[in-house]
């Protein structure tokens, strides 16, 4: 008996499936979004993770991360990157506005040649 996946099945409403198929054929979308849309459509069609990875010339962990994100957050939310931790801003919005305002003035207005 072949291996049975323990991952939940992905069921897509027709509207979401249409959006994903449009994105998967797009030439102007980000390549990451196109690849993720193709992954989700292939998994919904019943392909295995290994088959999807081989078809799209990628690796299994990447496919598994995309599928896990889709099952947790939804298919369309899985197309976007999750926000990273990132470094908090060290300059406030008011300070940034002041610097931009200063940079847009002429040096003669500030007493320089």
C-alpha atoms as a PDB file:
ATOM      1  CA  UNK A   1       0.000   0.000   0.000  1.00  0.00           C
ATOM      2  CA  UNK A   2       1.474   3.395  -0.931  1.00  0.00           C
ATOM      3  CA  UNK A   3       2.210   6.054   1.611  1.00  0.00           C
ATOM      4  CA  UNK A   4      -0.850   7.986   2.781  1.00  0.00           C
ATOM      5  CA  UNK A   5      -0.384  11.658   3.563  1.00  0.00           C
ATOM      6  CA  UNK A   6      -1.340  12.853   7.032  1.00  0.00           C
ATOM      7  CA  UNK A   7      -1.616  16.459   5.835  1.00  0.00           C
ATOM      8  CA  UNK A   8      -5.168  17.767   5.516  1.00  0.00           C
ATOM      9  CA  UNK A   9      -6.712  18.120   2.089  1.00  0.00           C
ATOM     10  CA  UNK A  10      -6.893  21.606   0.613  1.00  0.00           C
ATOM     11  CA  UNK A  11     -10.325  22.550  -0.674  1.00  0.00           C
ATOM     12  CA  UNK A  12     -10.571  25.765  -2.649  1.00  0.00           C
ATOM     13  CA  UNK A  13     -13.774  27.648  -3.419  1.00  0.00           C
ATOM     14  CA  UNK A  14     -14.301  28.244  -7.158  1.00  0.00           C
ATOM     15  CA  UNK A  15     -13.571  31.976  -6.865  1.00  0.00           C
ATOM     16  CA  UNK A  16     -10.266  31.366  -5.066  1.00  0.00           C
ATOM     17  CA  UNK A  17      -9.343  28.649  -7.541  1.00  0.00           C
ATOM     18  CA  UNK A  18      -9.962  31.074 -10.418  1.00  0.00           C
ATOM     19  CA  UNK A  19      -7.776  33.721  -8.763  1.00  0.00           C
ATOM     20  CA  UNK A  20      -4.982  31.209  -8.201  1.00  0.00           C
ATOM     21  CA  UNK A  21      -5.108  29.968 -11.784  1.00  0.00           C
ATOM     22  CA  UNK A  22      -4.962  33.564 -13.048  1.00  0.00           C
ATOM     23  CA  UNK A  23      -1.941  34.274 -10.839  1.00  0.00           C
ATOM     24  CA  UNK A  24      -0.240  31.024 -11.872  1.00  0.00           C
ATOM     25  CA  UNK A  25      -0.392  32.059 -15.545  1.00  0.00           C
ATOM     26  CA  UNK A  26       0.593  35.678 -14.929  1.00  0.00           C
ATOM     27  CA  UNK A  27       3.769  37.112 -16.412  1.00  0.00           C
ATOM     28  CA  UNK A  28       3.657  40.307 -14.348  1.00  0.00           C
ATOM     29  CA  UNK A  29       3.154  38.849 -10.838  1.00  0.00           C
ATOM     30  CA  UNK A  30       6.112  38.186  -8.577  1.00  0.00           C
ATOM     31  CA  UNK A  31       7.735  34.831  -9.341  1.00  0.00           C
ATOM     32  CA  UNK A  32       7.253  33.719  -5.723  1.00  0.00           C
ATOM     33  CA  UNK A  33       3.500  34.305  -5.906  1.00  0.00           C
ATOM     34  CA  UNK A  34       3.248  32.455  -9.230  1.00  0.00           C
ATOM     35  CA  UNK A  35       5.167  29.467  -7.874  1.00  0.00           C
ATOM     36  CA  UNK A  36       3.080  29.344  -4.696  1.00  0.00           C
ATOM     37  CA  UNK A  37      -0.147  29.536  -6.699  1.00  0.00           C
ATOM     38  CA  UNK A  38       1.045  26.606  -8.837  1.00  0.00           C
ATOM     39  CA  UNK A  39       1.898  24.632  -5.699  1.00  0.00           C
ATOM     40  CA  UNK A  40      -1.554  25.180  -4.217  1.00  0.00           C
ATOM     41  CA  UNK A  41      -3.364  24.301  -7.445  1.00  0.00           C
ATOM     42  CA  UNK A  42      -1.326  21.127  -7.886  1.00  0.00           C
ATOM     43  CA  UNK A  43      -1.937  20.017  -4.297  1.00  0.00           C
ATOM     44  CA  UNK A  44      -5.644  20.726  -4.601  1.00  0.00           C
ATOM     45  CA  UNK A  45      -5.670  18.583  -7.761  1.00  0.00           C
ATOM     46  CA  UNK A  46      -4.377  15.648  -5.701  1.00  0.00           C
ATOM     47  CA  UNK A  47      -0.660  15.582  -6.502  1.00  0.00           C
ATOM     48  CA  UNK A  48       1.806  14.535  -3.821  1.00  0.00           C
ATOM     49  CA  UNK A  49       4.352  16.882  -2.303  1.00  0.00           C
ATOM     50  CA  UNK A  50       7.207  15.037  -4.020  1.00  0.00           C
ATOM     51  CA  UNK A  51       5.493  15.213  -7.403  1.00  0.00           C
ATOM     52  CA  UNK A  52       4.849  18.940  -7.018  1.00  0.00           C
ATOM     53  CA  UNK A  53       8.468  19.584  -6.013  1.00  0.00           C
ATOM     54  CA  UNK A  54       9.725  17.609  -9.008  1.00  0.00           C
ATOM     55  CA  UNK A  55       7.288  19.273 -11.428  1.00  0.00           C
ATOM     56  CA  UNK A  56       8.236  22.798 -10.323  1.00  0.00           C
ATOM     57  CA  UNK A  57      11.969  22.039  -9.930  1.00  0.00           C
ATOM     58  CA  UNK A  58      12.026  22.994  -6.280  1.00  0.00           C
ATOM     59  CA  UNK A  59      12.459  21.150  -2.984  1.00  0.00           C
ATOM     60  CA  UNK A  60       9.995  19.382  -0.695  1.00  0.00           C
ATOM     61  CA  UNK A  61      10.438  21.676   2.350  1.00  0.00           C
ATOM     62  CA  UNK A  62       9.488  24.716   0.270  1.00  0.00           C
ATOM     63  CA  UNK A  63       6.328  22.982  -0.957  1.00  0.00           C
ATOM     64  CA  UNK A  64       5.492  21.792   2.562  1.00  0.00           C
ATOM     65  CA  UNK A  65       5.919  25.310   4.012  1.00  0.00           C
ATOM     66  CA  UNK A  66       3.601  26.742   1.372  1.00  0.00           C
ATOM     67  CA  UNK A  67       0.969  24.067   1.999  1.00  0.00           C
ATOM     68  CA  UNK A  68       1.159  24.415   5.772  1.00  0.00           C
ATOM     69  CA  UNK A  69       0.756  28.170   5.477  1.00  0.00           C
ATOM     70  CA  UNK A  70      -2.230  27.720   3.147  1.00  0.00           C
ATOM     71  CA  UNK A  71      -3.919  25.264   5.493  1.00  0.00           C
ATOM     72  CA  UNK A  72      -3.344  27.568   8.458  1.00  0.00           C
ATOM     73  CA  UNK A  73      -4.003  31.034   6.984  1.00  0.00           C
ATOM     74  CA  UNK A  74      -5.902  30.391   3.759  1.00  0.00           C
ATOM     75  CA  UNK A  75      -4.877  29.993   0.145  1.00  0.00           C
ATOM     76  CA  UNK A  76      -4.621  33.661  -0.822  1.00  0.00           C
ATOM     77  CA  UNK A  77      -2.795  34.604   2.378  1.00  0.00           C
ATOM     78  CA  UNK A  78      -0.247  31.860   1.664  1.00  0.00           C
ATOM     79  CA  UNK A  79       0.885  33.663  -1.487  1.00  0.00           C
ATOM     80  CA  UNK A  80       2.438  36.525   0.484  1.00  0.00           C
ATOM     81  CA  UNK A  81       5.528  36.419   2.654  1.00  0.00           C
ATOM     82  CA  UNK A  82       4.959  36.433   6.388  1.00  0.00           C
ATOM     83  CA  UNK A  83       6.246  39.558   8.115  1.00  0.00           C
ATOM     84  CA  UNK A  84       9.710  39.127   9.528  1.00  0.00           C
ATOM     85  CA  UNK A  85      10.907  40.183  12.913  1.00  0.00           C
ATOM     86  CA  UNK A  86      12.946  43.024  11.473  1.00  0.00           C
ATOM     87  CA  UNK A  87      14.799  45.698  13.317  1.00  0.00           C
ATOM     88  CA  UNK A  88      12.639  48.397  14.897  1.00  0.00           C
ATOM     89  CA  UNK A  89      12.945  51.889  13.467  1.00  0.00           C
ATOM     90  CA  UNK A  90      15.405  54.136  15.302  1.00  0.00           C
ATOM     91  CA  UNK A  91      14.161  57.376  13.780  1.00  0.00           C
ATOM     92  CA  UNK A  92      10.653  58.693  14.387  1.00  0.00           C
ATOM     93  CA  UNK A  93       8.293  59.865  11.677  1.00  0.00           C
ATOM     94  CA  UNK A  94       8.667  63.473  12.843  1.00  0.00           C
ATOM     95  CA  UNK A  95      12.460  63.259  12.590  1.00  0.00           C
ATOM     96  CA  UNK A  96      12.198  61.719   9.125  1.00  0.00           C
ATOM     97  CA  UNK A  97       9.896  64.549   8.005  1.00  0.00           C
ATOM     98  CA  UNK A  98      12.372  67.136   9.315  1.00  0.00           C
ATOM     99  CA  UNK A  99      15.285  65.516   7.420  1.00  0.00           C
ATOM    100  CA  UNK A 100      13.305  65.340   4.166  1.00  0.00           C
ATOM    101  CA  UNK A 101      12.227  68.964   4.566  1.00  0.00           C
ATOM    102  CA  UNK A 102      15.819  70.031   5.213  1.00  0.00           C
ATOM    103  CA  UNK A 103      17.095  68.051   2.217  1.00  0.00           C
ATOM    104  CA  UNK A 104      14.552  69.714  -0.085  1.00  0.00           C
ATOM    105  CA  UNK A 105      15.641  73.275   0.802  1.00  0.00           C
ATOM    106  CA  UNK A 106      18.235  75.210  -1.161  1.00  0.00           C
ATOM    107  CA  UNK A 107      21.616  75.651   0.561  1.00  0.00           C
ATOM    108  CA  UNK A 108      21.428  79.441   0.023  1.00  0.00           C
ATOM    109  CA  UNK A 109      18.249  79.561   2.134  1.00  0.00           C
ATOM    110  CA  UNK A 110      20.269  78.070   4.989  1.00  0.00           C
ATOM    111  CA  UNK A 111      23.216  80.471   4.633  1.00  0.00           C
ATOM    112  CA  UNK A 112      25.540  78.248   2.570  1.00  0.00           C
ATOM    113  CA  UNK A 113      27.054  79.130  -0.793  1.00  0.00           C
END
